[in-house]
Structures are given as structure tokens and as C-alpha cells.
Amino acid sequence: MVAAGGIALVVEVVVTMRGRRVARLVPVDEVDPLADLRARGLVREPTAPRSPRTRRARLKAAGPVSDLVADQRR
């Protein structure tokens, strides 16, 4: 953000928990914030491509679930 007169305004919010700093929120000025995180060593690229998720088979119920709940409450 640029304030009147061309002065850059930087807003920073510090989050504390019981007086200790736990997070710092700053505006994103990078075109690619992920590239900045990679350069700082905070994230890394995956070593292998993700494997596709397999769908699990649906379970067949012997009766309505409401009957099971009613039995458990007795």
C-alpha cells in the first residue's frame, strides 16, 4: 500500500499467546509467495508425484442406522 506523498505503508500484525510471539502477519508483496518460502527454506518441492487416491468400496448396511443408535441408547 502506498500512502499520500509516495511513502510506502507497511502493516504488520504480531500475534501473541500469553505474551510470546507466535505469528507475524505481513502483506504479500511478492508475485509468487511460494517462491519466497522456497528460497527461505520454509517449504520444499515434493520428492515424488502424488499417487491417485483410490476409492473405497461403500459398505452395505443391514438395517437403518437409526435402529443401531436406538439399540445403543438402551
PDB file of N, CA and C in Angstrom:
ATOM      1  N   MET A   1       0.842  -1.158   0.000  1.00  0.00           N
ATOM      2  CA  MET A   1       0.000   0.000   0.000  1.00  0.00           C
ATOM      3  C   MET A   1       0.894   1.230   0.000  1.00  0.00           C
ATOM      4  N   VAL A   2       0.512   2.258  -0.740  1.00  0.00           N
ATOM      5  CA  VAL A   2       1.297   3.492  -0.785  1.00  0.00           C
ATOM      6  C   VAL A   2       0.435   4.615  -0.247  1.00  0.00           C
ATOM      7  N   ALA A   3       0.928   5.305   0.764  1.00  0.00           N
ATOM      8  CA  ALA A   3       0.204   6.419   1.372  1.00  0.00           C
ATOM      9  C   ALA A   3       0.431   7.679   0.550  1.00  0.00           C
ATOM     10  N   ALA A   4      -0.243   8.751   0.928  1.00  0.00           N
ATOM     11  CA  ALA A   4      -0.104  10.035   0.234  1.00  0.00           C
ATOM     12  C   ALA A   4       1.353  10.487   0.291  1.00  0.00           C
ATOM     13  N   GLY A   5       1.842  11.024  -0.792  1.00  0.00           N
ATOM     14  CA  GLY A   5       3.211  11.508  -0.848  1.00  0.00           C
ATOM     15  C   GLY A   5       4.207  10.438  -1.272  1.00  0.00           C
ATOM     16  N   GLY A   6       3.725   9.263  -1.669  1.00  0.00           N
ATOM     17  CA  GLY A   6       4.594   8.212  -2.168  1.00  0.00           C
ATOM     18  C   GLY A   6       5.329   7.436  -1.091  1.00  0.00           C
ATOM     19  N   ILE A   7       4.918   7.593   0.164  1.00  0.00           N
ATOM     20  CA  ILE A   7       5.556   6.855   1.255  1.00  0.00           C
ATOM     21  C   ILE A   7       4.918   5.477   1.345  1.00  0.00           C
ATOM     22  N   ALA A   8       5.730   4.443   1.346  1.00  0.00           N
ATOM     23  CA  ALA A   8       5.203   3.073   1.432  1.00  0.00           C
ATOM     24  C   ALA A   8       4.740   2.808   2.858  1.00  0.00           C
ATOM     25  N   LEU A   9       3.541   2.277   2.981  1.00  0.00           N
ATOM     26  CA  LEU A   9       2.968   1.951   4.277  1.00  0.00           C
ATOM     27  C   LEU A   9       3.032   0.440   4.454  1.00  0.00           C
ATOM     28  N   VAL A  10       3.756  -0.007   5.473  1.00  0.00           N
ATOM     29  CA  VAL A  10       3.880  -1.434   5.745  1.00  0.00           C
ATOM     30  C   VAL A  10       3.105  -1.728   7.023  1.00  0.00           C
ATOM     31  N   VAL A  11       2.141  -2.639   6.910  1.00  0.00           N
ATOM     32  CA  VAL A  11       1.341  -3.015   8.066  1.00  0.00           C
ATOM     33  C   VAL A  11       1.786  -4.399   8.505  1.00  0.00           C
ATOM     34  N   GLU A  12       2.078  -4.512   9.782  1.00  0.00           N
ATOM     35  CA  GLU A  12       2.494  -5.793  10.335  1.00  0.00           C
ATOM     36  C   GLU A  12       1.673  -6.052  11.583  1.00  0.00           C
ATOM     37  N   VAL A  13       1.145  -7.260  11.695  1.00  0.00           N
ATOM     38  CA  VAL A  13       0.381  -7.660  12.866  1.00  0.00           C
ATOM     39  C   VAL A  13       1.141  -8.796  13.534  1.00  0.00           C
ATOM     40  N   VAL A  14       1.402  -8.641  14.824  1.00  0.00           N
ATOM     41  CA  VAL A  14       2.097  -9.675  15.581  1.00  0.00           C
ATOM     42  C   VAL A  14       1.070 -10.367  16.469  1.00  0.00           C
ATOM     43  N   VAL A  15       0.983 -11.670  16.345  1.00  0.00           N
ATOM     44  CA  VAL A  15       0.061 -12.468  17.148  1.00  0.00           C
ATOM     45  C   VAL A  15       0.848 -13.041  18.317  1.00  0.00           C
ATOM     46  N   THR A  16       0.312 -12.833  19.518  1.00  0.00           N
ATOM     47  CA  THR A  16       0.987 -13.351  20.702  1.00  0.00           C
ATOM     48  C   THR A  16       0.067 -14.309  21.447  1.00  0.00           C
ATOM     49  N   MET A  17       0.690 -15.222  22.150  1.00  0.00           N
ATOM     50  CA  MET A  17      -0.043 -16.136  23.023  1.00  0.00           C
ATOM     51  C   MET A  17       0.646 -16.075  24.378  1.00  0.00           C
ATOM     52  N   ARG A  18      -0.073 -15.527  25.361  1.00  0.00           N
ATOM     53  CA  ARG A  18       0.482 -15.346  26.708  1.00  0.00           C
ATOM     54  C   ARG A  18       1.784 -14.556  26.687  1.00  0.00           C
ATOM     55  N   GLY A  19       1.809 -13.528  25.856  1.00  0.00           N
ATOM     56  CA  GLY A  19       2.965 -12.641  25.797  1.00  0.00           C
ATOM     57  C   GLY A  19       4.094 -13.092  24.893  1.00  0.00           C
ATOM     58  N   ARG A  20       4.019 -14.291  24.322  1.00  0.00           N
ATOM     59  CA  ARG A  20       5.066 -14.781  23.409  1.00  0.00           C
ATOM     60  C   ARG A  20       4.608 -14.634  21.972  1.00  0.00           C
ATOM     61  N   ARG A  21       5.500 -14.201  21.107  1.00  0.00           N
ATOM     62  CA  ARG A  21       5.180 -14.070  19.683  1.00  0.00           C
ATOM     63  C   ARG A  21       5.018 -15.458  19.080  1.00  0.00           C
ATOM     64  N   VAL A  22       3.876 -15.693  18.432  1.00  0.00           N
ATOM     65  CA  VAL A  22       3.655 -16.984  17.793  1.00  0.00           C
ATOM     66  C   VAL A  22       3.469 -16.850  16.289  1.00  0.00           C
ATOM     67  N   ALA A  23       3.145 -15.652  15.807  1.00  0.00           N
ATOM     68  CA  ALA A  23       2.967 -15.453  14.370  1.00  0.00           C
ATOM     69  C   ALA A  23       3.155 -13.978  14.034  1.00  0.00           C
ATOM     70  N   ARG A  24       3.534 -13.749  12.791  1.00  0.00           N
ATOM     71  CA  ARG A  24       3.668 -12.391  12.279  1.00  0.00           C
ATOM     72  C   ARG A  24       2.972 -12.339  10.929  1.00  0.00           C
ATOM     73  N   LEU A  25       2.000 -11.450  10.801  1.00  0.00           N
ATOM     74  CA  LEU A  25       1.258 -11.310   9.554  1.00  0.00           C
ATOM     75  C   LEU A  25       1.739 -10.058   8.839  1.00  0.00           C
ATOM     76  N   VAL A  26       2.210 -10.232   7.617  1.00  0.00           N
ATOM     77  CA  VAL A  26       2.693  -9.106   6.822  1.00  0.00           C
ATOM     78  C   VAL A  26       2.070  -9.190   5.434  1.00  0.00           C
ATOM     79  N   PRO A  27       1.935  -8.056   4.755  1.00  0.00           N
ATOM     80  CA  PRO A  27       1.370  -8.100   3.407  1.00  0.00           C
ATOM     81  C   PRO A  27       2.290  -8.848   2.437  1.00  0.00           C
ATOM     82  N   VAL A  28       1.699  -9.456   1.441  1.00  0.00           N
ATOM     83  CA  VAL A  28       2.453 -10.195   0.433  1.00  0.00           C
ATOM     84  C   VAL A  28       2.801  -9.234  -0.697  1.00  0.00           C
ATOM     85  N   ASP A  29       4.105  -8.975  -0.882  1.00  0.00           N
ATOM     86  CA  ASP A  29       4.498  -8.106  -1.977  1.00  0.00           C
ATOM     87  C   ASP A  29       5.139  -8.876  -3.110  1.00  0.00           C
ATOM     88  N   GLU A  30       5.370 -10.129  -2.933  1.00  0.00           N
ATOM     89  CA  GLU A  30       5.972 -10.953  -3.979  1.00  0.00           C
ATOM     90  C   GLU A  30       4.905 -11.363  -4.996  1.00  0.00           C
ATOM     91  N   VAL A  31       5.330 -11.538  -6.243  1.00  0.00           N
ATOM     92  CA  VAL A  31       4.426 -12.059  -7.255  1.00  0.00           C
ATOM     93  C   VAL A  31       4.117 -13.515  -6.953  1.00  0.00           C
ATOM     94  N   ASP A  32       5.133 -14.254  -6.505  1.00  0.00           N
ATOM     95  CA  ASP A  32       4.964 -15.664  -6.165  1.00  0.00           C
ATOM     96  C   ASP A  32       5.421 -15.886  -4.724  1.00  0.00           C
ATOM     97  N   PRO A  33       4.493 -15.832  -3.754  1.00  0.00           N
ATOM     98  CA  PRO A  33       4.910 -16.016  -2.366  1.00  0.00           C
ATOM     99  C   PRO A  33       5.497 -17.398  -2.086  1.00  0.00           C
ATOM    100  N   LEU A  34       5.103 -18.402  -2.859  1.00  0.00           N
ATOM    101  CA  LEU A  34       5.642 -19.745  -2.678  1.00  0.00           C
ATOM    102  C   LEU A  34       7.135 -19.778  -3.016  1.00  0.00           C
ATOM    103  N   ALA A  35       7.544 -19.037  -4.039  1.00  0.00           N
ATOM    104  CA  ALA A  35       8.963 -18.964  -4.402  1.00  0.00           C
ATOM    105  C   ALA A  35       9.775 -18.339  -3.264  1.00  0.00           C
ATOM    106  N   ASP A  36       9.207 -17.349  -2.588  1.00  0.00           N
ATOM    107  CA  ASP A  36       9.886 -16.735  -1.450  1.00  0.00           C
ATOM    108  C   ASP A  36      10.050 -17.741  -0.319  1.00  0.00           C
ATOM    109  N   LEU A  37       9.017 -18.532  -0.045  1.00  0.00           N
ATOM    110  CA  LEU A  37       9.099 -19.551   1.010  1.00  0.00           C
ATOM    111  C   LEU A  37      10.126 -20.620   0.663  1.00  0.00           C
ATOM    112  N   ARG A  38      10.199 -20.998  -0.624  1.00  0.00           N
ATOM    113  CA  ARG A  38      11.208 -21.975  -1.071  1.00  0.00           C
ATOM    114  C   ARG A  38      12.613 -21.418  -0.861  1.00  0.00           C
ATOM    115  N   ALA A  39      12.810 -20.155  -1.224  1.00  0.00           N
ATOM    116  CA  ALA A  39      14.134 -19.529  -1.119  1.00  0.00           C
ATOM    117  C   ALA A  39      14.579 -19.427   0.340  1.00  0.00           C
ATOM    118  N   ARG A  40      13.635 -19.231   1.249  1.00  0.00           N
ATOM    119  CA  ARG A  40      13.967 -19.124   2.664  1.00  0.00           C
ATOM    120  C   ARG A  40      14.063 -20.487   3.340  1.00  0.00           C
ATOM    121  N   GLY A  41      13.786 -21.564   2.596  1.00  0.00           N
ATOM    122  CA  GLY A  41      13.906 -22.909   3.130  1.00  0.00           C
ATOM    123  C   GLY A  41      12.759 -23.320   4.037  1.00  0.00           C
ATOM    124  N   LEU A  42      11.626 -22.632   3.943  1.00  0.00           N
ATOM    125  CA  LEU A  42      10.491 -22.948   4.797  1.00  0.00           C
ATOM    126  C   LEU A  42       9.588 -24.019   4.194  1.00  0.00           C
ATOM    127  N   VAL A  43       9.614 -24.172   2.878  1.00  0.00           N
ATOM    128  CA  VAL A  43       8.882 -25.240   2.199  1.00  0.00           C
ATOM    129  C   VAL A  43       9.792 -25.847   1.150  1.00  0.00           C
ATOM    130  N   ARG A  44       9.462 -27.035   0.722  1.00  0.00           N
ATOM    131  CA  ARG A  44      10.254 -27.678  -0.342  1.00  0.00           C
ATOM    132  C   ARG A  44       9.318 -28.367  -1.316  1.00  0.00           C
ATOM    133  N   GLU A  45       9.821 -28.621  -2.483  1.00  0.00           N
ATOM    134  CA  GLU A  45       9.048 -29.300  -3.525  1.00  0.00           C
ATOM    135  C   GLU A  45       8.872 -30.761  -3.149  1.00  0.00           C
ATOM    136  N   PRO A  46       7.797 -31.391  -3.589  1.00  0.00           N
ATOM    137  CA  PRO A  46       7.625 -32.819  -3.303  1.00  0.00           C
ATOM    138  C   PRO A  46       8.696 -33.642  -4.017  1.00  0.00           C
ATOM    139  N   THR A  47       9.082 -34.749  -3.395  1.00  0.00           N
ATOM    140  CA  THR A  47      10.119 -35.591  -3.986  1.00  0.00           C
ATOM    141  C   THR A  47       9.544 -36.539  -5.038  1.00  0.00           C
ATOM    142  N   ALA A  48       8.261 -36.833  -4.958  1.00  0.00           N
ATOM    143  CA  ALA A  48       7.611 -37.730  -5.918  1.00  0.00           C
ATOM    144  C   ALA A  48       6.217 -37.196  -6.229  1.00  0.00           C
ATOM    145  N   PRO A  49       5.721 -37.496  -7.415  1.00  0.00           N
ATOM    146  CA  PRO A  49       4.359 -37.039  -7.725  1.00  0.00           C
ATOM    147  C   PRO A  49       3.339 -37.736  -6.833  1.00  0.00           C
ATOM    148  N   ARG A  50       2.248 -37.065  -6.597  1.00  0.00           N
ATOM    149  CA  ARG A  50       1.182 -37.641  -5.775  1.00  0.00           C
ATOM    150  C   ARG A  50       0.555 -38.829  -6.463  1.00  0.00           C
ATOM    151  N   SER A  51       0.309 -39.849  -5.678  1.00  0.00           N
ATOM    152  CA  SER A  51      -0.369 -41.012  -6.251  1.00  0.00           C
ATOM    153  C   SER A  51      -1.869 -40.754  -6.248  1.00  0.00           C
ATOM    154  N   PRO A  52      -2.566 -41.248  -7.248  1.00  0.00           N
ATOM    155  CA  PRO A  52      -4.016 -41.009  -7.294  1.00  0.00           C
ATOM    156  C   PRO A  52      -4.704 -41.729  -6.142  1.00  0.00           C
ATOM    157  N   ARG A  53      -5.726 -41.083  -5.598  1.00  0.00           N
ATOM    158  CA  ARG A  53      -6.465 -41.689  -4.491  1.00  0.00           C
ATOM    159  C   ARG A  53      -7.358 -42.793  -5.018  1.00  0.00           C
ATOM    160  N   THR A  54      -7.417 -43.860  -4.274  1.00  0.00           N
ATOM    161  CA  THR A  54      -8.303 -44.952  -4.653  1.00  0.00           C
ATOM    162  C   THR A  54      -9.602 -44.822  -3.878  1.00  0.00           C
ATOM    163  N   ARG A  55     -10.688 -45.089  -4.535  1.00  0.00           N
ATOM    164  CA  ARG A  55     -11.992 -45.011  -3.873  1.00  0.00           C
ATOM    165  C   ARG A  55     -12.227 -46.270  -3.061  1.00  0.00           C
ATOM    166  N   ARG A  56     -12.739 -46.085  -1.887  1.00  0.00           N
ATOM    167  CA  ARG A  56     -13.064 -47.223  -1.036  1.00  0.00           C
ATOM    168  C   ARG A  56     -14.457 -47.715  -1.381  1.00  0.00           C
ATOM    169  N   ALA A  57     -14.646 -49.014  -1.246  1.00  0.00           N
ATOM    170  CA  ALA A  57     -15.951 -49.597  -1.527  1.00  0.00           C
ATOM    171  C   ALA A  57     -16.949 -49.162  -0.452  1.00  0.00           C
ATOM    172  N   ARG A  58     -18.165 -48.876  -0.872  1.00  0.00           N
ATOM    173  CA  ARG A  58     -19.216 -48.495   0.077  1.00  0.00           C
ATOM    174  C   ARG A  58     -19.654 -49.704   0.876  1.00  0.00           C
ATOM    175  N   LEU A  59     -19.911 -49.479   2.139  1.00  0.00           N
ATOM    176  CA  LEU A  59     -20.391 -50.541   2.998  1.00  0.00           C
ATOM    177  C   LEU A  59     -21.904 -50.663   2.851  1.00  0.00           C
ATOM    178  N   LYS A  60     -22.392 -51.891   2.874  1.00  0.00           N
ATOM    179  CA  LYS A  60     -23.827 -52.137   2.822  1.00  0.00           C
ATOM    180  C   LYS A  60     -24.324 -52.325   4.246  1.00  0.00           C
ATOM    181  N   ALA A  61     -25.301 -51.554   4.636  1.00  0.00           N
ATOM    182  CA  ALA A  61     -25.857 -51.664   5.979  1.00  0.00           C
ATOM    183  C   ALA A  61     -26.946 -52.724   6.000  1.00  0.00           C
ATOM    184  N   ALA A  62     -27.009 -53.462   7.103  1.00  0.00           N
ATOM    185  CA  ALA A  62     -28.036 -54.496   7.237  1.00  0.00           C
ATOM    186  C   ALA A  62     -29.395 -53.876   7.578  1.00  0.00           C
ATOM    187  N   GLY A  63     -29.365 -52.701   8.167  1.00  0.00           N
ATOM    188  CA  GLY A  63     -30.607 -52.022   8.547  1.00  0.00           C
ATOM    189  C   GLY A  63     -30.339 -50.537   8.679  1.00  0.00           C
ATOM    190  N   PRO A  64     -31.354 -49.785   9.030  1.00  0.00           N
ATOM    191  CA  PRO A  64     -31.153 -48.345   9.180  1.00  0.00           C
ATOM    192  C   PRO A  64     -30.255 -48.019  10.373  1.00  0.00           C
ATOM    193  N   VAL A  65     -29.490 -46.968  10.260  1.00  0.00           N
ATOM    194  CA  VAL A  65     -28.567 -46.557  11.305  1.00  0.00           C
ATOM    195  C   VAL A  65     -29.350 -46.111  12.539  1.00  0.00           C
ATOM    196  N   SER A  66     -30.529 -45.556  12.348  1.00  0.00           N
ATOM    197  CA  SER A  66     -31.317 -45.098  13.487  1.00  0.00           C
ATOM    198  C   SER A  66     -31.654 -46.254  14.433  1.00  0.00           C
ATOM    199  N   ASP A  67     -31.857 -47.473  13.897  1.00  0.00           N
ATOM    200  CA  ASP A  67     -32.113 -48.631  14.756  1.00  0.00           C
ATOM    201  C   ASP A  67     -30.880 -48.960  15.604  1.00  0.00           C
ATOM    202  N   LEU A  68     -29.692 -48.851  15.014  1.00  0.00           N
ATOM    203  CA  LEU A  68     -28.460 -49.103  15.756  1.00  0.00           C
ATOM    204  C   LEU A  68     -28.287 -48.092  16.889  1.00  0.00           C
ATOM    205  N   VAL A  69     -28.563 -46.828  16.600  1.00  0.00           N
ATOM    206  CA  VAL A  69     -28.430 -45.786  17.612  1.00  0.00           C
ATOM    207  C   VAL A  69     -29.428 -46.026  18.735  1.00  0.00           C
ATOM    208  N   ALA A  70     -30.658 -46.380  18.389  1.00  0.00           N
ATOM    209  CA  ALA A  70     -31.683 -46.625  19.397  1.00  0.00           C
ATOM    210  C   ALA A  70     -31.286 -47.808  20.280  1.00  0.00           C
ATOM    211  N   ASP A  71     -30.693 -48.849  19.709  1.00  0.00           N
ATOM    212  CA  ASP A  71     -30.251 -50.009  20.492  1.00  0.00           C
ATOM    213  C   ASP A  71     -29.129 -49.628  21.453  1.00  0.00           C
ATOM    214  N   GLN A  72     -28.225 -48.769  21.024  1.00  0.00           N
ATOM    215  CA  GLN A  72     -27.101 -48.381  21.867  1.00  0.00           C
ATOM    216  C   GLN A  72     -27.532 -47.486  23.018  1.00  0.00           C
ATOM    217  N   ARG A  73     -28.626 -46.788  22.865  1.00  0.00           N
ATOM    218  CA  ARG A  73     -29.105 -45.888  23.920  1.00  0.00           C
ATOM    219  C   ARG A  73     -29.886 -46.618  25.000  1.00  0.00           C
ATOM    220  N   ARG A  74     -30.224 -47.846  24.761  1.00  0.00           N
ATOM    221  CA  ARG A  74     -30.991 -48.611  25.761  1.00  0.00           C
ATOM    222  C   ARG A  74     -30.109 -49.220  26.786  1.00  0.00           C
TER     223      ARG A  74
END
